[in-house]
């Protein structure tokens, strides 16, 4: 059942985000041709500033989510009602608070945006749109959490699929036909609200037992709600500083044009990451269900199998970034929109480091105990901010990426030690040695593949780029099989893939027979 749920959520997610990624890249290409690139820098700046507003959320989503995982696994409908009522009341208060902060900050925009390359009415408009988008999340989108925790995220994805498709078509027309940034921004906000309203309607049908429960302070104390929120708030603050300040540093030190150029790379890399994340997001709730229901030895075997699968995926992504990302950017946006090759190298390494430990993040997110690794989150934020500000003056955008990579190491270590000390209660030395050995092998493979493909002629066309990607993937696949085919984790991944294939084929045959 878990494999079926993972496959269903993953297939819907992969299809949606593949479509979103393709449309997003086409829209960005049109944006750079028909609208000023400084508007992209402005969007990125405000997106990062408003990310700081999520401090008001205080990590409540995470605290409620791991509670929902446990209660849904035990089919405790009464407790689910209490948790969703807590969620609803607190998010209403947070939404009002964020709206007030947004209004106050509006009057400080002249001190935040000092670049005169964009008309002031556009600056104000972009800011208001970003604020409204955040508010729509607090007042409407919180209901998505229940679907995700119950392994029914595909329901939200179906609705998102339709709304996103229509929204992107409207956005593309707004840029190409009317060359109107106003229509472009309003369409994104409008369809986001429509999608969340439709999900709210579906939730009432899917969970008829849900009703609003009166929640008291005593209820919150019994569930250690305030303790968990206090501890997770440190995580939240640290991650906001770590993840939400790069664009601010770049725009303030290097200018809006540099921020706009970086935004193109971020769009593509985020698109790839979100596609992979959504393709695999069904694994998270399944892990949570398993952690609360199965024995430790079985959980640890599955952990090792999934960990190796994520590692292989990280190697593929890093390889493609290193070999074809710069060629794609030049082909799609033009040579004038390229950054240094060193920036691409840093992006590839950051993706490799982050993605290979994504499985650790999935397991860590099934538990609370937020005080355990909060110190590592603080170190990651401080390291990223300090190094990014210093190195930006000397190395430009490459220096900012170096700060990001340095901060990521602390996040990774904090999660790994949590999983091994709190969940599995095992030594993590062998784990680190395995990843160090695997990483050295994959980095050598990427260098070898790059040498092979750089000596081969590929036309500077989209077809040539696709052929180069396929060649890189096939070469990586062959090398991975030669090196790891005797590895226990590799064999486990193959067995799981075969089982998933059988489940998928049975579903397909079942539908054809109906």
Protein backbone atom coordinates (compact mmCIF):
# COMPACT_ATOMS: atom_id res chain seq x y z
CA UNK A 1 0.00 0.00 0.00
CA UNK A 2 2.83 2.39 0.83
CA UNK A 3 4.51 1.73 -2.53
CA UNK A 4 1.21 2.38 -4.34
CA UNK A 5 0.73 5.66 -2.47
CA UNK A 6 4.31 6.74 -3.17
CA UNK A 7 3.93 5.92 -6.88
CA UNK A 8 0.60 7.69 -7.21
CA UNK A 9 1.80 10.85 -5.47
CA UNK A 10 5.10 10.75 -7.32
CA UNK A 11 3.63 10.31 -10.80
CA UNK A 12 1.16 13.16 -10.34
CA UNK A 13 3.87 15.36 -8.83
CA UNK A 14 6.40 14.57 -11.54
CA UNK A 15 3.92 15.31 -14.32
CA UNK A 16 2.82 18.59 -12.75
CA UNK A 17 6.27 19.93 -12.04
CA UNK A 18 7.68 18.82 -15.39
CA UNK A 19 4.97 20.90 -17.00
CA UNK A 20 5.55 23.80 -14.61
CA UNK A 21 9.30 23.68 -15.22
CA UNK A 22 8.95 23.76 -19.01
CA UNK A 23 6.36 26.54 -18.94
CA UNK A 24 8.38 28.45 -16.35
CA UNK A 25 11.49 28.40 -18.54
CA UNK A 26 9.50 29.50 -21.60
CA UNK A 27 7.93 32.32 -19.59
CA UNK A 28 11.33 33.38 -18.25
CA UNK A 29 12.75 33.42 -21.78
CA UNK A 30 9.86 35.63 -22.91
CA UNK A 31 10.33 37.82 -19.82
CA UNK A 32 13.99 38.52 -20.66
CA UNK A 33 13.03 39.46 -24.21
CA UNK A 34 9.99 41.65 -23.65
CA UNK A 35 10.37 43.08 -20.12
CA UNK A 36 13.31 44.70 -18.25
CA UNK A 37 15.57 42.18 -16.49
CA UNK A 38 15.66 44.51 -13.49
CA UNK A 39 12.08 43.43 -12.74
CA UNK A 40 13.37 39.89 -12.20
CA UNK A 41 15.93 41.20 -9.75
CA UNK A 42 13.18 43.14 -7.98
CA UNK A 43 11.01 40.01 -7.75
CA UNK A 44 13.90 38.03 -6.29
CA UNK A 45 14.70 40.78 -3.80
CA UNK A 46 11.14 41.00 -2.46
CA UNK A 47 10.73 37.22 -2.47
CA UNK A 48 13.75 36.96 -0.17
CA UNK A 49 12.60 39.84 2.05
CA UNK A 50 9.12 38.40 2.41
CA UNK A 51 10.62 34.99 3.15
CA UNK A 52 11.66 36.63 6.41
CA UNK A 53 7.95 37.13 7.13
CA UNK A 54 7.61 33.38 7.50
CA UNK A 55 9.21 33.83 10.91
CA UNK A 56 5.65 34.64 11.99
CA UNK A 57 4.71 31.05 11.13
CA UNK A 58 7.15 29.94 13.88
CA UNK A 59 7.42 26.41 12.49
CA UNK A 60 3.82 25.57 13.32
CA UNK A 61 3.43 23.66 10.04
CA UNK A 62 6.22 21.28 10.98
CA UNK A 63 5.04 20.86 14.58
CA UNK A 64 1.49 20.08 13.45
CA UNK A 65 2.68 17.86 10.57
CA UNK A 66 4.64 15.38 12.64
CA UNK A 67 1.66 15.23 15.01
CA UNK A 68 -0.64 14.49 12.07
CA UNK A 69 1.68 11.72 10.82
CA UNK A 70 1.36 9.92 14.15
CA UNK A 71 -2.40 10.36 14.61
CA UNK A 72 -3.27 9.45 11.00
CA UNK A 73 -1.15 6.29 11.31
CA UNK A 74 -3.18 5.40 14.44
CA UNK A 75 -6.50 6.55 12.82
CA UNK A 76 -7.21 8.91 15.72
CA UNK A 77 -9.85 11.20 14.15
CA UNK A 78 -10.54 13.13 17.36
CA UNK A 79 -6.90 14.18 17.68
CA UNK A 80 -6.75 15.08 13.98
CA UNK A 81 -9.68 17.43 14.59
CA UNK A 82 -7.86 19.08 17.48
CA UNK A 83 -4.63 19.51 15.52
CA UNK A 84 -6.39 21.01 12.48
CA UNK A 85 -8.35 23.38 14.72
CA UNK A 86 -5.10 24.55 16.30
CA UNK A 87 -3.69 24.99 12.83
CA UNK A 88 -6.67 27.02 11.64
CA UNK A 89 -6.85 29.42 14.60
CA UNK A 90 -3.15 30.12 14.79
CA UNK A 91 -2.76 30.65 11.06
CA UNK A 92 -5.56 33.21 11.07
CA UNK A 93 -3.71 35.16 13.76
CA UNK A 94 -0.44 34.83 11.85
CA UNK A 95 -2.08 36.07 8.64
CA UNK A 96 -3.32 39.20 10.36
CA UNK A 97 0.12 39.79 11.90
CA UNK A 98 1.88 39.38 8.54
CA UNK A 99 -0.55 41.81 6.90
CA UNK A 100 0.24 44.45 9.55
CA UNK A 101 4.00 43.94 9.15
CA UNK A 102 3.63 44.19 5.39
CA UNK A 103 1.80 47.51 5.63
CA UNK A 104 4.48 48.96 7.93
CA UNK A 105 7.33 47.75 5.71
CA UNK A 106 5.67 49.32 2.65
CA UNK A 107 6.64 52.77 3.92
CA UNK A 108 10.30 51.70 4.23
CA UNK A 109 10.63 50.64 0.57
CA UNK A 110 12.65 53.76 -0.40
CA UNK A 111 15.38 52.64 2.02
CA UNK A 112 15.28 49.02 0.79
CA UNK A 113 15.29 49.68 -2.98
CA UNK A 114 17.82 52.34 -3.93
CA UNK A 115 18.20 51.32 -7.59
CA UNK A 116 16.45 53.83 -9.88
CA UNK A 117 16.39 51.59 -12.96
CA UNK A 118 12.77 50.53 -12.25
CA UNK A 119 9.81 52.92 -12.05
CA UNK A 120 8.65 53.44 -8.49
CA UNK A 121 5.05 52.39 -9.15
CA UNK A 122 6.35 48.99 -10.31
CA UNK A 123 8.42 48.65 -7.14
CA UNK A 124 5.33 49.21 -5.00
CA UNK A 125 3.17 46.94 -7.17
CA UNK A 126 5.61 44.02 -7.06
CA UNK A 127 5.81 44.33 -3.28
CA UNK A 128 2.02 44.34 -2.80
CA UNK A 129 1.60 41.28 -5.04
CA UNK A 130 4.23 39.37 -3.06
CA UNK A 131 2.52 40.26 0.22
CA UNK A 132 -0.87 39.12 -1.08
CA UNK A 133 0.62 35.82 -2.22
CA UNK A 134 2.00 35.17 1.27
CA UNK A 135 -1.34 36.03 2.87
CA UNK A 136 -3.20 33.64 0.58
CA UNK A 137 -0.98 30.87 1.97
CA UNK A 138 -1.75 31.69 5.59
CA UNK A 139 -5.51 32.06 5.12
CA UNK A 140 -6.09 29.25 2.58
CA UNK A 141 -3.18 26.93 1.78
CA UNK A 142 -2.63 25.42 5.25
CA UNK A 143 -5.24 22.77 4.44
CA UNK A 144 -2.75 21.11 2.05
CA UNK A 145 -0.83 19.81 5.06
CA UNK A 146 -3.53 17.26 5.92
CA UNK A 147 -3.54 15.80 2.40
CA UNK A 148 0.26 15.54 2.42
CA UNK A 149 0.39 13.90 5.86
CA UNK A 150 -2.27 11.37 4.78
CA UNK A 151 -0.36 10.41 1.59
CA UNK A 152 -3.06 12.00 -0.58
CA UNK A 153 -1.06 14.85 -2.01
CA UNK A 154 -2.10 13.77 -5.51
CA UNK A 155 -5.50 15.39 -4.86
CA UNK A 156 -3.89 18.81 -4.44
CA UNK A 157 -1.65 18.16 -7.44
CA UNK A 158 -4.61 17.48 -9.74
CA UNK A 159 -6.10 20.84 -8.85
CA UNK A 160 -2.72 22.58 -9.10
CA UNK A 161 -2.19 21.00 -12.52
CA UNK A 162 -5.23 22.67 -14.06
CA UNK A 163 -4.78 26.02 -12.33
CA UNK A 164 -1.06 26.18 -13.06
CA UNK A 165 -1.54 25.39 -16.72
CA UNK A 166 -4.14 28.12 -17.19
CA UNK A 167 -2.16 30.60 -15.08
CA UNK A 168 1.01 30.06 -17.10
CA UNK A 169 -0.82 30.44 -20.39
CA UNK A 170 -2.24 33.75 -19.16
CA UNK A 171 1.19 34.85 -17.91
CA UNK A 172 2.82 33.99 -21.23
CA UNK A 173 0.15 35.93 -23.13
CA UNK A 174 0.53 38.88 -20.77
CA UNK A 175 4.26 39.08 -21.55
CA UNK A 176 4.30 38.31 -25.28
CA UNK A 177 1.02 39.83 -26.46
CA UNK A 178 0.41 42.73 -24.08
CA UNK A 179 3.91 43.08 -22.58
CA UNK A 180 2.18 43.81 -19.29
CA UNK A 181 3.93 42.96 -16.04
CA UNK A 182 0.76 43.93 -14.15
CA UNK A 183 -1.32 41.22 -15.85
CA UNK A 184 1.55 38.75 -15.44
CA UNK A 185 1.70 39.26 -11.66
CA UNK A 186 -2.06 39.40 -11.08
CA UNK A 187 -2.69 36.15 -12.97
CA UNK A 188 -0.20 34.28 -10.77
CA UNK A 189 -1.87 35.55 -7.59
CA UNK A 190 -5.42 34.99 -8.85
CA UNK A 191 -4.97 31.36 -9.86
CA UNK A 192 -3.10 30.62 -6.63
CA UNK A 193 -6.17 31.76 -4.68
CA UNK A 194 -8.52 29.75 -6.93
CA UNK A 195 -6.45 26.56 -6.46
CA UNK A 196 -6.47 26.91 -2.67
CA UNK A 197 -10.23 27.52 -2.58
CA UNK A 198 -10.80 24.37 -4.64
CA UNK A 199 -8.56 22.36 -2.29
CA UNK A 200 -10.52 23.67 0.71
CA UNK A 201 -13.76 22.46 -0.92
CA UNK A 202 -12.25 19.05 -1.63
CA UNK A 203 -11.00 18.68 1.95
CA UNK A 204 -14.55 18.97 3.28
CA UNK A 205 -15.59 16.08 1.01
CA UNK A 206 -12.54 13.92 1.68
CA UNK A 207 -12.63 14.30 5.48
CA UNK A 208 -16.28 14.60 6.51
CA UNK A 209 -15.37 13.88 10.13
CA UNK A 210 -13.51 17.19 10.38
CA UNK A 211 -15.13 19.91 12.42
CA UNK A 212 -13.83 22.90 14.34
CA UNK A 213 -12.96 22.09 17.95
CA UNK A 214 -12.61 24.66 20.70
CA UNK A 215 -8.96 24.68 21.69
CA UNK A 216 -7.72 25.86 25.07
CA UNK A 217 -4.28 26.79 26.38
CA UNK A 218 -4.34 23.57 28.39
CA UNK A 219 -4.74 21.54 25.18
CA UNK A 220 -1.63 23.18 23.76
CA UNK A 221 0.37 22.56 26.94
CA UNK A 222 -0.61 18.90 27.10
CA UNK A 223 0.79 18.42 23.59
CA UNK A 224 3.99 20.36 24.45
CA UNK A 225 3.02 22.70 21.65
CA UNK A 226 4.74 25.80 23.04
CA UNK A 227 7.95 23.88 23.78
CA UNK A 228 8.10 22.48 20.25
CA UNK A 229 7.28 25.84 18.65
CA UNK A 230 9.93 27.62 20.75
CA UNK A 231 12.62 25.13 19.75
CA UNK A 232 11.61 24.96 16.12
CA UNK A 233 11.48 28.76 15.89
CA UNK A 234 15.26 28.74 16.16
CA UNK A 235 15.35 26.30 13.22
CA UNK A 236 12.99 28.53 11.30
CA UNK A 237 14.90 31.75 11.94
CA UNK A 238 18.18 30.12 11.03
CA UNK A 239 16.84 28.63 7.80
CA UNK A 240 15.29 31.95 6.80
CA UNK A 241 18.66 33.66 7.19
CA UNK A 242 20.43 30.78 5.44
CA UNK A 243 18.03 30.43 2.52
CA UNK A 244 16.51 33.89 2.22
CA UNK A 245 19.41 36.34 2.17
CA UNK A 246 21.41 35.46 -0.97
CA UNK A 247 19.34 37.63 -3.31
CA UNK A 248 19.43 40.48 -0.78
CA UNK A 249 23.23 40.25 -0.54
CA UNK A 250 23.62 40.09 -4.33
CA UNK A 251 21.24 42.96 -5.10
CA UNK A 252 22.66 45.22 -2.38
CA UNK A 253 26.35 44.58 -3.15
CA UNK A 254 26.37 43.64 -6.86
CA UNK A 255 23.17 45.34 -8.12
CA UNK A 256 19.77 44.36 -9.52
CA UNK A 257 21.19 43.18 -12.86
CA UNK A 258 23.41 40.62 -11.13
CA UNK A 259 20.39 39.53 -9.07
CA UNK A 260 18.38 39.17 -12.28
CA UNK A 261 21.08 37.04 -13.95
CA UNK A 262 21.30 34.80 -10.90
CA UNK A 263 17.50 34.54 -10.89
CA UNK A 264 17.63 32.80 -14.30
CA UNK A 265 19.97 30.11 -12.96
CA UNK A 266 17.94 29.81 -9.76
CA UNK A 267 14.75 29.37 -11.80
CA UNK A 268 16.20 26.44 -13.74
CA UNK A 269 17.88 24.78 -10.75
CA UNK A 270 14.81 25.24 -8.55
CA UNK A 271 12.71 23.76 -11.34
CA UNK A 272 14.90 20.65 -11.43
CA UNK A 273 14.92 20.37 -7.65
CA UNK A 274 11.16 20.80 -7.34
CA UNK A 275 10.55 18.27 -10.08
CA UNK A 276 12.68 15.70 -8.27
CA UNK A 277 11.28 16.67 -4.88
CA UNK A 278 7.70 16.32 -6.05
CA UNK A 279 8.53 13.10 -7.88
CA UNK A 280 9.75 11.68 -4.56
CA UNK A 281 7.62 13.59 -2.07
CA UNK A 282 5.31 10.63 -1.51
CA UNK A 283 8.23 8.98 0.27
CA UNK A 284 8.13 11.46 3.18
CA UNK A 285 4.65 10.61 4.54
CA UNK A 286 5.30 6.90 3.90
CA UNK A 287 8.47 7.12 6.00
CA UNK A 288 6.52 8.82 8.78
CA UNK A 289 3.86 6.11 8.67
CA UNK A 290 6.56 3.42 8.72
CA UNK A 291 8.56 5.02 11.56
CA UNK A 292 5.50 4.95 13.83
CA UNK A 293 4.39 1.46 12.81
CA UNK A 294 7.36 -0.82 11.96
CA UNK A 295 10.39 -2.29 13.76
CA UNK A 296 13.76 -0.51 13.89
CA UNK A 297 15.77 -3.05 11.87
CA UNK A 298 13.35 -2.91 8.96
CA UNK A 299 13.33 0.89 9.10
CA UNK A 300 17.15 1.00 9.05
CA UNK A 301 17.34 -1.31 6.00
CA UNK A 302 14.91 0.90 4.13
CA UNK A 303 16.85 3.99 5.26
CA UNK A 304 20.09 2.63 3.75
CA UNK A 305 18.37 1.72 0.49
CA UNK A 306 16.71 5.13 0.13
CA UNK A 307 19.93 6.91 1.15
CA UNK A 308 21.85 5.25 -1.66
CA UNK A 309 19.07 6.01 -4.15
CA UNK A 310 19.17 9.70 -3.25
CA UNK A 311 22.96 9.64 -3.54
CA UNK A 312 22.81 8.21 -7.08
CA UNK A 313 20.24 10.84 -8.01
CA UNK A 314 22.49 13.60 -6.63
CA UNK A 315 25.33 12.35 -8.82
CA UNK A 316 23.18 12.49 -11.94
CA UNK A 317 22.00 16.02 -11.22
CA UNK A 318 25.50 17.30 -10.45
CA UNK A 319 26.83 15.68 -13.63
CA UNK A 320 24.19 17.31 -15.84
CA UNK A 321 24.65 20.71 -14.18
CA UNK A 322 28.42 20.57 -14.64
CA UNK A 323 28.29 19.42 -18.26
CA UNK A 324 25.26 21.12 -19.86
CA UNK A 325 23.91 23.90 -17.61
CA UNK A 326 26.05 26.67 -19.08
CA UNK A 327 25.33 25.52 -22.65
CA UNK A 328 21.62 25.49 -21.93
CA UNK A 329 21.65 28.99 -20.46
CA UNK A 330 23.54 30.36 -23.46
CA UNK A 331 21.27 28.62 -25.94
CA UNK A 332 18.05 29.61 -24.18
CA UNK A 333 18.75 33.11 -22.87
CA UNK A 334 21.80 34.23 -24.87
CA UNK A 335 25.48 34.81 -24.13
CA UNK A 336 24.72 38.19 -22.50
CA UNK A 337 22.90 36.39 -19.66
CA UNK A 338 25.73 34.02 -18.68
CA UNK A 339 27.59 34.03 -15.37
CA UNK A 340 31.11 32.67 -14.82
CA UNK A 341 31.76 28.94 -15.23
CA UNK A 342 32.97 28.95 -11.62
CA UNK A 343 29.42 29.82 -10.52
CA UNK A 344 28.07 26.77 -12.39
CA UNK A 345 30.70 24.58 -10.72
CA UNK A 346 29.61 25.89 -7.31
CA UNK A 347 25.93 25.32 -8.17
CA UNK A 348 26.65 21.72 -9.22
CA UNK A 349 28.58 21.00 -6.01
CA UNK A 350 25.84 22.57 -3.85
CA UNK A 351 23.19 20.42 -5.57
CA UNK A 352 25.32 17.28 -5.12
CA UNK A 353 25.88 17.97 -1.43
CA UNK A 354 22.27 18.86 -0.64
CA UNK A 355 20.50 16.15 -2.62
CA UNK A 356 22.58 13.20 -1.46
CA UNK A 357 21.46 13.90 2.13
CA UNK A 358 17.80 14.53 1.28
CA UNK A 359 16.86 11.13 2.66
CA UNK A 360 18.30 12.12 6.05
CA UNK A 361 16.07 15.20 5.93
CA UNK A 362 13.00 13.00 5.27
CA UNK A 363 13.72 10.84 8.32
CA UNK A 364 14.57 13.80 10.52
CA UNK A 365 11.26 15.49 9.62
CA UNK A 366 9.24 12.62 11.09
CA UNK A 367 10.30 13.59 14.63
CA UNK A 368 10.15 16.60 16.88
CA UNK A 369 12.93 17.05 19.49
CA UNK A 370 13.91 20.32 17.78
CA UNK A 371 16.34 21.35 20.48
CA UNK A 372 18.73 18.57 19.41
CA UNK A 373 20.08 20.15 16.20
CA UNK A 374 19.11 23.79 16.56
CA UNK A 375 22.72 24.83 17.23
CA UNK A 376 23.80 23.49 13.83
CA UNK A 377 21.05 25.51 12.14
CA UNK A 378 22.28 28.70 13.84
CA UNK A 379 25.84 27.98 12.69
CA UNK A 380 24.65 27.38 9.11
CA UNK A 381 22.85 30.74 8.99
CA UNK A 382 25.73 32.70 10.51
CA UNK A 383 28.32 31.02 8.26
CA UNK A 384 26.33 31.61 5.07
CA UNK A 385 25.56 35.27 5.82
CA UNK A 386 29.04 36.26 6.99
CA UNK A 387 30.94 34.47 4.21
CA UNK A 388 28.49 35.62 1.50
CA UNK A 389 28.83 39.29 2.47
CA UNK A 390 32.63 39.11 2.69
CA UNK A 391 33.26 36.99 -0.42
CA UNK A 392 30.74 38.86 -2.60
CA UNK A 393 33.12 41.84 -2.61
CA UNK A 394 36.00 39.69 -3.89
CA UNK A 395 34.43 36.84 -5.90
CA UNK A 396 31.02 38.23 -6.84
CA UNK A 397 28.16 35.74 -7.13
CA UNK A 398 30.63 32.83 -6.80
CA UNK A 399 31.52 34.09 -3.33
CA UNK A 400 27.84 34.06 -2.35
CA UNK A 401 27.54 30.43 -3.49
CA UNK A 402 30.63 29.49 -1.48
CA UNK A 403 28.95 30.93 1.61
CA UNK A 404 25.82 28.89 0.82
CA UNK A 405 27.83 25.66 0.49
CA UNK A 406 29.74 26.30 3.72
CA UNK A 407 26.48 26.87 5.62
CA UNK A 408 24.92 23.74 4.14
CA UNK A 409 27.57 21.54 5.79
CA UNK A 410 26.27 22.46 9.24
CA UNK A 411 22.66 21.67 8.24
CA UNK A 412 23.71 18.29 6.85
CA UNK A 413 25.75 17.33 9.92
CA UNK A 414 22.97 18.36 12.29
CA UNK A 415 20.44 16.17 10.49
CA UNK A 416 22.73 13.16 10.21
CA UNK A 417 23.65 13.17 13.89
CA UNK A 418 19.95 13.51 14.79
CA UNK A 419 18.92 10.51 12.69
CA UNK A 420 21.67 8.27 14.05
CA UNK A 421 21.60 9.39 17.69
CA UNK A 422 17.85 9.93 18.21
CA UNK A 423 16.10 7.62 15.73
CA UNK A 424 18.50 4.70 15.13
CA UNK A 425 20.78 5.05 18.17
CA UNK A 426 23.81 3.91 16.15
CA UNK A 427 27.29 5.21 15.38
CA UNK A 428 27.43 7.40 12.29
CA UNK A 429 31.12 6.85 11.44
CA UNK A 430 30.43 4.15 8.84
CA UNK A 431 27.77 6.37 7.29
CA UNK A 432 30.23 9.25 6.79
CA UNK A 433 32.91 6.93 5.39
CA UNK A 434 30.44 5.44 2.89
CA UNK A 435 29.37 8.87 1.67
CA UNK A 436 32.98 10.09 1.43
CA UNK A 437 33.94 7.04 -0.65
CA UNK A 438 30.86 7.26 -2.86
CA UNK A 439 31.40 10.99 -3.39
CA UNK A 440 35.01 10.53 -4.51
CA UNK A 441 33.92 7.88 -7.01
CA UNK A 442 31.11 10.03 -8.44
CA UNK A 443 33.28 13.15 -8.72
CA UNK A 444 35.87 11.14 -10.68
CA UNK A 445 33.09 9.76 -12.89
CA UNK A 446 31.84 13.28 -13.64
CA UNK A 447 35.34 14.47 -14.56
CA UNK A 448 35.80 11.47 -16.86
CA UNK A 449 32.40 11.96 -18.50
CA UNK A 450 33.17 15.63 -19.04
CA UNK A 451 36.46 14.72 -20.76
CA UNK A 452 34.73 12.17 -23.00
CA UNK A 453 31.90 14.50 -24.03
CA UNK A 454 34.09 17.59 -24.44
CA UNK A 455 36.08 15.67 -27.06
CA UNK A 456 32.89 14.81 -28.94
CA UNK A 457 31.08 17.16 -31.31
CA UNK A 458 27.57 18.20 -30.31
CA UNK A 459 25.67 20.77 -32.33
CA UNK A 460 24.77 23.99 -30.50
CA UNK A 461 21.06 23.27 -30.78
CA UNK A 462 18.37 21.96 -28.47
CA UNK A 463 18.64 18.55 -30.14
CA UNK A 464 22.39 18.52 -29.61
CA UNK A 465 21.88 19.48 -25.98
CA UNK A 466 19.36 16.67 -25.42
CA UNK A 467 21.70 14.15 -27.06
CA UNK A 468 24.55 15.34 -24.82
CA UNK A 469 22.34 14.94 -21.73
CA UNK A 470 21.38 11.40 -22.77
CA UNK A 471 25.00 10.47 -23.42
CA UNK A 472 26.01 11.81 -20.01
CA UNK A 473 23.19 9.88 -18.31
CA UNK A 474 24.05 6.62 -20.10
CA UNK A 475 27.75 6.96 -19.33
CA UNK A 476 26.93 7.65 -15.67
CA UNK A 477 24.56 4.66 -15.55
CA UNK A 478 27.22 2.34 -16.97
CA UNK A 479 29.88 3.58 -14.56
CA UNK A 480 27.54 3.33 -11.58
CA UNK A 481 26.71 -0.27 -12.44
CA UNK A 482 30.37 -1.24 -12.84
CA UNK A 483 31.39 0.33 -9.53
CA UNK A 484 28.37 -0.39 -7.30
CA UNK A 485 26.71 -3.54 -8.70
CA UNK A 486 28.01 -5.66 -5.78
CA UNK A 487 26.95 -3.11 -3.18
CA UNK A 488 24.10 -4.23 -0.90
CA UNK A 489 22.36 -0.85 -1.19
CA UNK A 490 22.54 -0.99 -4.99
CA UNK A 491 20.88 -4.41 -5.07
CA UNK A 492 18.19 -3.16 -2.65
CA UNK A 493 17.46 -0.19 -4.92
CA UNK A 494 17.10 -2.55 -7.90
CA UNK A 495 14.72 -4.83 -5.98
CA UNK A 496 12.62 -1.86 -4.83
CA UNK A 497 12.51 -0.49 -8.40
CA UNK A 498 11.33 -3.88 -9.67
CA UNK A 499 8.63 -4.04 -7.00
CA UNK A 500 7.50 -0.51 -7.84
CA UNK A 501 7.39 -1.44 -11.52
CA UNK A 502 5.20 -4.48 -10.74
CA UNK A 503 2.80 -2.35 -8.67
CA UNK A 504 2.60 0.24 -11.44
CA UNK A 505 1.97 -2.37 -14.16
CA UNK A 506 -0.74 -4.04 -12.09
CA UNK A 507 -2.47 -0.67 -11.70
CA UNK A 508 -2.26 -0.08 -15.46
CA UNK A 509 -3.57 -3.57 -16.29
CA UNK A 510 -6.38 -3.12 -13.72
CA UNK A 511 -7.54 0.09 -15.40
CA UNK A 512 -7.43 -1.45 -18.87
CA UNK A 513 -9.57 -4.38 -17.74
CA UNK A 514 -12.26 -2.08 -16.33
